[in-house]
C-alpha atoms as a PDB file:
ATOM      1  CA  MET A   1    -132.486-108.177   4.643  1.00  0.00           C
ATOM      2  CA  THR A   2    -133.419-111.566   3.181  1.00  0.00           C
ATOM      3  CA  ASP A   3    -136.923-112.900   2.865  1.00  0.00           C
ATOM      4  CA  ALA A   4    -137.718-115.812   5.120  1.00  0.00           C
ATOM      5  CA  LEU A   5    -140.331-118.528   5.285  1.00  0.00           C
ATOM      6  CA  PRO A   6    -141.781-119.734   8.580  1.00  0.00           C
ATOM      7  CA  VAL A   7    -140.606-123.216   9.497  1.00  0.00           C
ATOM      8  CA  GLN A   8    -142.587-125.799  11.486  1.00  0.00           C
ATOM      9  CA  GLY A   9    -141.560-125.621  15.131  1.00  0.00           C
ATOM     10  CA  GLY A  10    -140.740-121.909  14.975  1.00  0.00           C
ATOM     11  CA  GLY A  11    -137.933-119.979  13.348  1.00  0.00           C
ATOM     12  CA  SER A  12    -137.562-119.282   9.682  1.00  0.00           C
ATOM     13  CA  ALA A  13    -135.592-120.398   6.621  1.00  0.00           C
ATOM     14  CA  ALA A  14    -134.043-118.007   4.127  1.00  0.00           C
ATOM     15  CA  ILE A  15    -135.301-118.108   0.565  1.00  0.00           C
ATOM     16  CA  VAL A  16    -132.460-118.741  -1.858  1.00  0.00           C
ATOM     17  CA  PRO A  17    -133.166-117.024  -5.166  1.00  0.00           C
ATOM     18  CA  ASP A  18    -132.516-118.787  -8.468  1.00  0.00           C
ATOM     19  CA  PHE A  19    -130.342-116.269 -10.314  1.00  0.00           C
ATOM     20  CA  ASN A  20    -130.162-118.390 -13.471  1.00  0.00           C
ATOM     21  CA  LEU A  21    -133.887-118.112 -14.235  1.00  0.00           C
ATOM     22  CA  PRO A  22    -133.956-114.304 -14.621  1.00  0.00           C
ATOM     23  CA  VAL A  23    -130.800-114.387 -16.771  1.00  0.00           C
ATOM     24  CA  LYS A  24    -132.325-117.013 -19.044  1.00  0.00           C
ATOM     25  CA  ARG A  25    -135.612-115.095 -19.291  1.00  0.00           C
ATOM     26  CA  PHE A  26    -133.776-111.858 -20.052  1.00  0.00           C
ATOM     27  CA  ALA A  27    -131.695-113.484 -22.789  1.00  0.00           C
ATOM     28  CA  LEU A  28    -134.715-115.134 -24.401  1.00  0.00           C
ATOM     29  CA  CYS A  29    -136.870-112.008 -24.223  1.00  0.00           C
ATOM     30  CA  THR A  30    -134.095-109.847 -25.629  1.00  0.00           C
ATOM     31  CA  LEU A  31    -133.507-112.230 -28.530  1.00  0.00           C
ATOM     32  CA  ALA A  32    -137.229-112.478 -29.234  1.00  0.00           C
ATOM     33  CA  LEU A  33    -137.617-108.702 -29.236  1.00  0.00           C
ATOM     34  CA  LEU A  34    -134.649-108.175 -31.522  1.00  0.00           C
ATOM     35  CA  LEU A  35    -135.835-110.944 -33.825  1.00  0.00           C
ATOM     36  CA  SER A  36    -139.249-109.341 -34.185  1.00  0.00           C
ATOM     37  CA  LEU A  37    -137.797-105.892 -34.907  1.00  0.00           C
ATOM     38  CA  VAL A  38    -134.665-106.472 -36.914  1.00  0.00           C
ATOM     39  CA  SER A  39    -135.304-109.197 -39.472  1.00  0.00           C
ATOM     40  CA  SER A  40    -138.030-107.383 -41.397  1.00  0.00           C
ATOM     41  CA  LEU A  41    -136.123-104.079 -41.595  1.00  0.00           C
ATOM     42  CA  ARG A  42    -132.992-105.073 -43.485  1.00  0.00           C
ATOM     43  CA  ALA A  43    -131.525-106.977 -46.397  1.00  0.00           C
ATOM     44  CA  ALA A  44    -129.606-110.188 -45.786  1.00  0.00           C
ATOM     45  CA  GLU A  45    -126.418-109.521 -43.830  1.00  0.00           C
ATOM     46  CA  PRO A  46    -123.375-111.211 -45.302  1.00  0.00           C
ATOM     47  CA  ILE A  47    -121.568-113.445 -42.808  1.00  0.00           C
ATOM     48  CA  SER A  48    -117.839-113.122 -43.391  1.00  0.00           C
ATOM     49  CA  PRO A  49    -115.231-115.871 -43.262  1.00  0.00           C
ATOM     50  CA  THR A  50    -113.778-114.033 -40.224  1.00  0.00           C
ATOM     51  CA  ALA A  51    -117.081-114.347 -38.355  1.00  0.00           C
ATOM     52  CA  LEU A  52    -117.441-118.009 -39.313  1.00  0.00           C
ATOM     53  CA  ASP A  53    -113.854-118.763 -38.264  1.00  0.00           C
ATOM     54  CA  ALA A  54    -114.545-117.329 -34.790  1.00  0.00           C
ATOM     55  CA  TYR A  55    -117.835-119.256 -34.634  1.00  0.00           C
ATOM     56  CA  TYR A  56    -116.116-122.537 -35.583  1.00  0.00           C
ATOM     57  CA  LYS A  57    -113.497-121.981 -32.868  1.00  0.00           C
ATOM     58  CA  ILE A  58    -116.261-121.587 -30.272  1.00  0.00           C
ATOM     59  CA  ALA A  59    -117.955-124.785 -31.478  1.00  0.00           C
ATOM     60  CA  ASP A  60    -114.646-126.650 -31.494  1.00  0.00           C
ATOM     61  CA  ALA A  61    -113.823-125.576 -27.933  1.00  0.00           C
ATOM     62  CA  LEU A  62    -117.235-126.737 -26.709  1.00  0.00           C
ATOM     63  CA  ALA A  63    -116.898-130.032 -28.605  1.00  0.00           C
ATOM     64  CA  SER A  64    -113.590-130.441 -26.718  1.00  0.00           C
ATOM     65  CA  ASP A  65    -115.387-129.832 -23.381  1.00  0.00           C
ATOM     66  CA  SER A  66    -113.590-126.530 -22.871  1.00  0.00           C
ATOM     67  CA  THR A  67    -114.457-122.876 -22.475  1.00  0.00           C
ATOM     68  CA  LYS A  68    -110.852-121.888 -23.160  1.00  0.00           C
ATOM     69  CA  ARG A  69    -110.703-119.188 -25.853  1.00  0.00           C
ATOM     70  CA  VAL A  70    -114.521-119.040 -26.075  1.00  0.00           C
ATOM     71  CA  VAL A  71    -114.624-115.480 -24.737  1.00  0.00           C
ATOM     72  CA  GLU A  72    -112.100-114.100 -27.229  1.00  0.00           C
ATOM     73  CA  ASN A  73    -113.752-115.913 -30.146  1.00  0.00           C
ATOM     74  CA  ALA A  74    -117.252-114.853 -29.110  1.00  0.00           C
ATOM     75  CA  ARG A  75    -116.004-111.262 -29.003  1.00  0.00           C
ATOM     76  CA  ALA A  76    -114.336-111.687 -32.406  1.00  0.00           C
ATOM     77  CA  PHE A  77    -117.592-113.070 -33.823  1.00  0.00           C
ATOM     78  CA  ALA A  78    -119.610-110.176 -32.346  1.00  0.00           C
ATOM     79  CA  ALA A  79    -117.147-107.673 -33.818  1.00  0.00           C
ATOM     80  CA  ALA A  80    -117.312-109.311 -37.263  1.00  0.00           C
ATOM     81  CA  VAL A  81    -121.107-109.149 -37.607  1.00  0.00           C
ATOM     82  CA  LYS A  82    -123.359-106.103 -37.841  1.00  0.00           C
ATOM     83  CA  ASP A  83    -126.647-107.536 -36.603  1.00  0.00           C
ATOM     84  CA  PRO A  84    -127.262-106.592 -32.953  1.00  0.00           C
ATOM     85  CA  MET A  85    -129.102-109.875 -32.418  1.00  0.00           C
ATOM     86  CA  LEU A  86    -126.016-111.902 -33.360  1.00  0.00           C
ATOM     87  CA  GLN A  87    -123.816-109.568 -31.326  1.00  0.00           C
ATOM     88  CA  LEU A  88    -126.013-110.037 -28.256  1.00  0.00           C
ATOM     89  CA  ALA A  89    -126.147-113.814 -28.678  1.00  0.00           C
ATOM     90  CA  ALA A  90    -122.330-113.954 -28.954  1.00  0.00           C
ATOM     91  CA  THR A  91    -121.963-111.717 -25.907  1.00  0.00           C
ATOM     92  CA  ASN A  92    -124.226-114.082 -23.962  1.00  0.00           C
ATOM     93  CA  VAL A  93    -121.982-117.004 -24.948  1.00  0.00           C
ATOM     94  CA  ALA A  94    -118.938-115.120 -23.636  1.00  0.00           C
ATOM     95  CA  ALA A  95    -120.708-114.170 -20.405  1.00  0.00           C
ATOM     96  CA  ALA A  96    -121.884-117.731 -19.781  1.00  0.00           C
ATOM     97  CA  THR A  97    -118.271-118.920 -19.521  1.00  0.00           C
ATOM     98  CA  GLN A  98    -118.261-117.246 -16.103  1.00  0.00           C
ATOM     99  CA  VAL A  99    -120.905-119.743 -14.941  1.00  0.00           C
ATOM    100  CA  ASP A 100    -119.912-123.119 -16.382  1.00  0.00           C
ATOM    101  CA  LEU A 101    -119.623-125.253 -19.508  1.00  0.00           C
ATOM    102  CA  GLY A 102    -123.337-126.194 -19.417  1.00  0.00           C
ATOM    103  CA  LYS A 103    -124.497-122.562 -19.413  1.00  0.00           C
ATOM    104  CA  THR A 104    -122.025-121.744 -22.175  1.00  0.00           C
ATOM    105  CA  ARG A 105    -123.529-124.527 -24.277  1.00  0.00           C
ATOM    106  CA  GLU A 106    -127.051-123.206 -23.589  1.00  0.00           C
ATOM    107  CA  MET A 107    -126.102-119.748 -24.812  1.00  0.00           C
ATOM    108  CA  PHE A 108    -124.316-121.284 -27.810  1.00  0.00           C
ATOM    109  CA  LYS A 109    -127.585-123.025 -28.640  1.00  0.00           C
ATOM    110  CA  MET A 110    -129.289-119.606 -28.775  1.00  0.00           C
ATOM    111  CA  LEU A 111    -126.538-118.214 -30.992  1.00  0.00           C
ATOM    112  CA  ASN A 112    -126.995-121.190 -33.309  1.00  0.00           C
ATOM    113  CA  SER A 113    -130.727-120.749 -33.427  1.00  0.00           C
ATOM    114  CA  VAL A 114    -130.348-117.149 -34.573  1.00  0.00           C
ATOM    115  CA  LEU A 115    -127.470-117.756 -36.997  1.00  0.00           C
ATOM    116  CA  ALA A 116    -128.536-121.061 -38.578  1.00  0.00           C
ATOM    117  CA  ASN A 117    -132.186-120.049 -38.972  1.00  0.00           C
ATOM    118  CA  GLY A 118    -131.130-116.639 -40.231  1.00  0.00           C
ATOM    119  CA  ILE A 119    -129.074-118.269 -42.973  1.00  0.00           C
ATOM    120  CA  LYS A 120    -131.861-120.725 -43.771  1.00  0.00           C
ATOM    121  CA  PHE A 121    -134.546-118.045 -44.060  1.00  0.00           C
ATOM    122  CA  GLY A 122    -132.443-115.388 -45.801  1.00  0.00           C
ATOM    123  CA  ASP A 123    -131.703-112.956 -42.972  1.00  0.00           C
ATOM    124  CA  TYR A 124    -127.997-113.753 -43.411  1.00  0.00           C
ATOM    125  CA  SER A 125    -125.998-114.895 -46.411  1.00  0.00           C
ATOM    126  CA  LEU A 126    -122.576-116.445 -46.772  1.00  0.00           C
ATOM    127  CA  GLU A 127    -119.904-114.248 -48.343  1.00  0.00           C
ATOM    128  CA  GLN A 128    -118.128-117.328 -49.639  1.00  0.00           C
ATOM    129  CA  GLY A 129    -117.904-121.083 -49.366  1.00  0.00           C
ATOM    130  CA  THR A 130    -120.217-123.774 -48.075  1.00  0.00           C
ATOM    131  CA  ILE A 131    -121.280-124.662 -44.535  1.00  0.00           C
ATOM    132  CA  TYR A 132    -123.172-127.594 -43.083  1.00  0.00           C
ATOM    133  CA  ARG A 133    -126.007-127.525 -40.585  1.00  0.00           C
ATOM    134  CA  ALA A 134    -125.795-130.458 -38.200  1.00  0.00           C
ATOM    135  CA  TYR A 135    -128.518-131.588 -35.812  1.00  0.00           C
ATOM    136  CA  CYS A 136    -128.254-133.349 -32.449  1.00  0.00           C
ATOM    137  CA  PRO A 137    -131.434-135.339 -31.688  1.00  0.00           C
ATOM    138  CA  MET A 138    -130.476-135.723 -28.019  1.00  0.00           C
ATOM    139  CA  GLU A 139    -130.234-131.948 -27.537  1.00  0.00           C
ATOM    140  CA  ARG A 140    -132.799-131.098 -30.233  1.00  0.00           C
ATOM    141  CA  ALA A 141    -130.432-128.409 -31.420  1.00  0.00           C
ATOM    142  CA  ASP A 142    -128.474-127.400 -34.504  1.00  0.00           C
ATOM    143  CA  TRP A 143    -124.988-126.077 -35.092  1.00  0.00           C
ATOM    144  CA  LEU A 144    -122.944-125.170 -38.136  1.00  0.00           C
ATOM    145  CA  GLN A 145    -119.805-126.956 -39.296  1.00  0.00           C
ATOM    146  CA  ALA A 146    -117.194-126.073 -41.906  1.00  0.00           C
ATOM    147  CA  ASN A 147    -116.987-129.716 -43.023  1.00  0.00           C
ATOM    148  CA  LYS A 148    -119.619-132.353 -43.637  1.00  0.00           C
ATOM    149  CA  ALA A 149    -117.613-134.887 -41.635  1.00  0.00           C
ATOM    150  CA  PRO A 150    -116.630-135.682 -39.025  1.00  0.00           C
ATOM    151  CA  ILE A 151    -119.497-134.639 -36.763  1.00  0.00           C
ATOM    152  CA  ARG A 152    -118.184-132.734 -33.721  1.00  0.00           C
ATOM    153  CA  ASN A 153    -121.082-132.172 -31.344  1.00  0.00           C
ATOM    154  CA  PRO A 154    -120.568-128.978 -29.281  1.00  0.00           C
ATOM    155  CA  TYR A 155    -123.443-129.811 -26.922  1.00  0.00           C
ATOM    156  CA  HIS A 156    -122.184-133.132 -25.562  1.00  0.00           C
ATOM    157  CA  GLY A 157    -118.467-132.997 -26.307  1.00  0.00           C
ATOM    158  CA  SER A 158    -116.465-136.115 -25.488  1.00  0.00           C
ATOM    159  CA  GLU A 159    -119.546-137.746 -23.953  1.00  0.00           C
ATOM    160  CA  MET A 160    -121.197-138.063 -27.401  1.00  0.00           C
ATOM    161  CA  LEU A 161    -118.868-136.288 -29.811  1.00  0.00           C
ATOM    162  CA  THR A 162    -120.260-137.873 -32.970  1.00  0.00           C
ATOM    163  CA  CYS A 163    -123.941-137.674 -32.021  1.00  0.00           C
ATOM    164  CA  GLY A 164    -125.752-135.897 -34.810  1.00  0.00           C
ATOM    165  CA  GLU A 165    -126.041-135.681 -38.554  1.00  0.00           C
ATOM    166  CA  VAL A 166    -125.776-133.096 -41.289  1.00  0.00           C
ATOM    167  CA  VAL A 167    -129.293-132.022 -42.222  1.00  0.00           C
ATOM    168  CA  GLU A 168    -128.706-129.075 -44.583  1.00  0.00           C
ATOM    169  CA  THR A 169    -126.018-127.513 -46.713  1.00  0.00           C
ATOM    170  CA  TYR A 170    -125.725-123.768 -47.344  1.00  0.00           C
ATOM    171  CA  ALA A 171    -123.580-122.227 -50.054  1.00  0.00           C
ATOM    172  CA  ALA A 172    -122.698-118.658 -50.898  1.00  0.00           C
ATOM    173  CA  LYS A 173    -124.853-117.224 -53.668  1.00  0.00           C
ATOM    174  CA  LYS A 174    -122.843-116.437 -56.783  1.00  0.00           C
END
């Protein structure tokens, strides 16, 4: 049975639930809970080249306006990291491909928030190499790139592929 609202002149109209709102709330609450519990209980987790390669493939697909291969790379990323918060964020990216490109980009933004801030504040460390944190002022969101240039914006793709700038550089500790 569906809920209904009375309509002027008699009869009723069915209420159409917004299924996206509960999913978004659940994802945000889960990430917030994990963030509050996990970060203070462990040493910095090393992020492997395998994990970063999978991450870069996700970002590249989104910059190319595609969700092709996002699921397999999100799963590869989740398998390559130990932190449940990163695993959950990657799983959300994979699941969002079932909705559309916009939702996939929203979940990718959450993954970036956890990963990029985790590297910045010492929750995660790089096993090797250097990565670049880029920022999109239109989206007010960050992402990580293997190279300083060219900018490849995963949030706007072909619409504004070069929108953004490198704002920080992270290198593996020797």
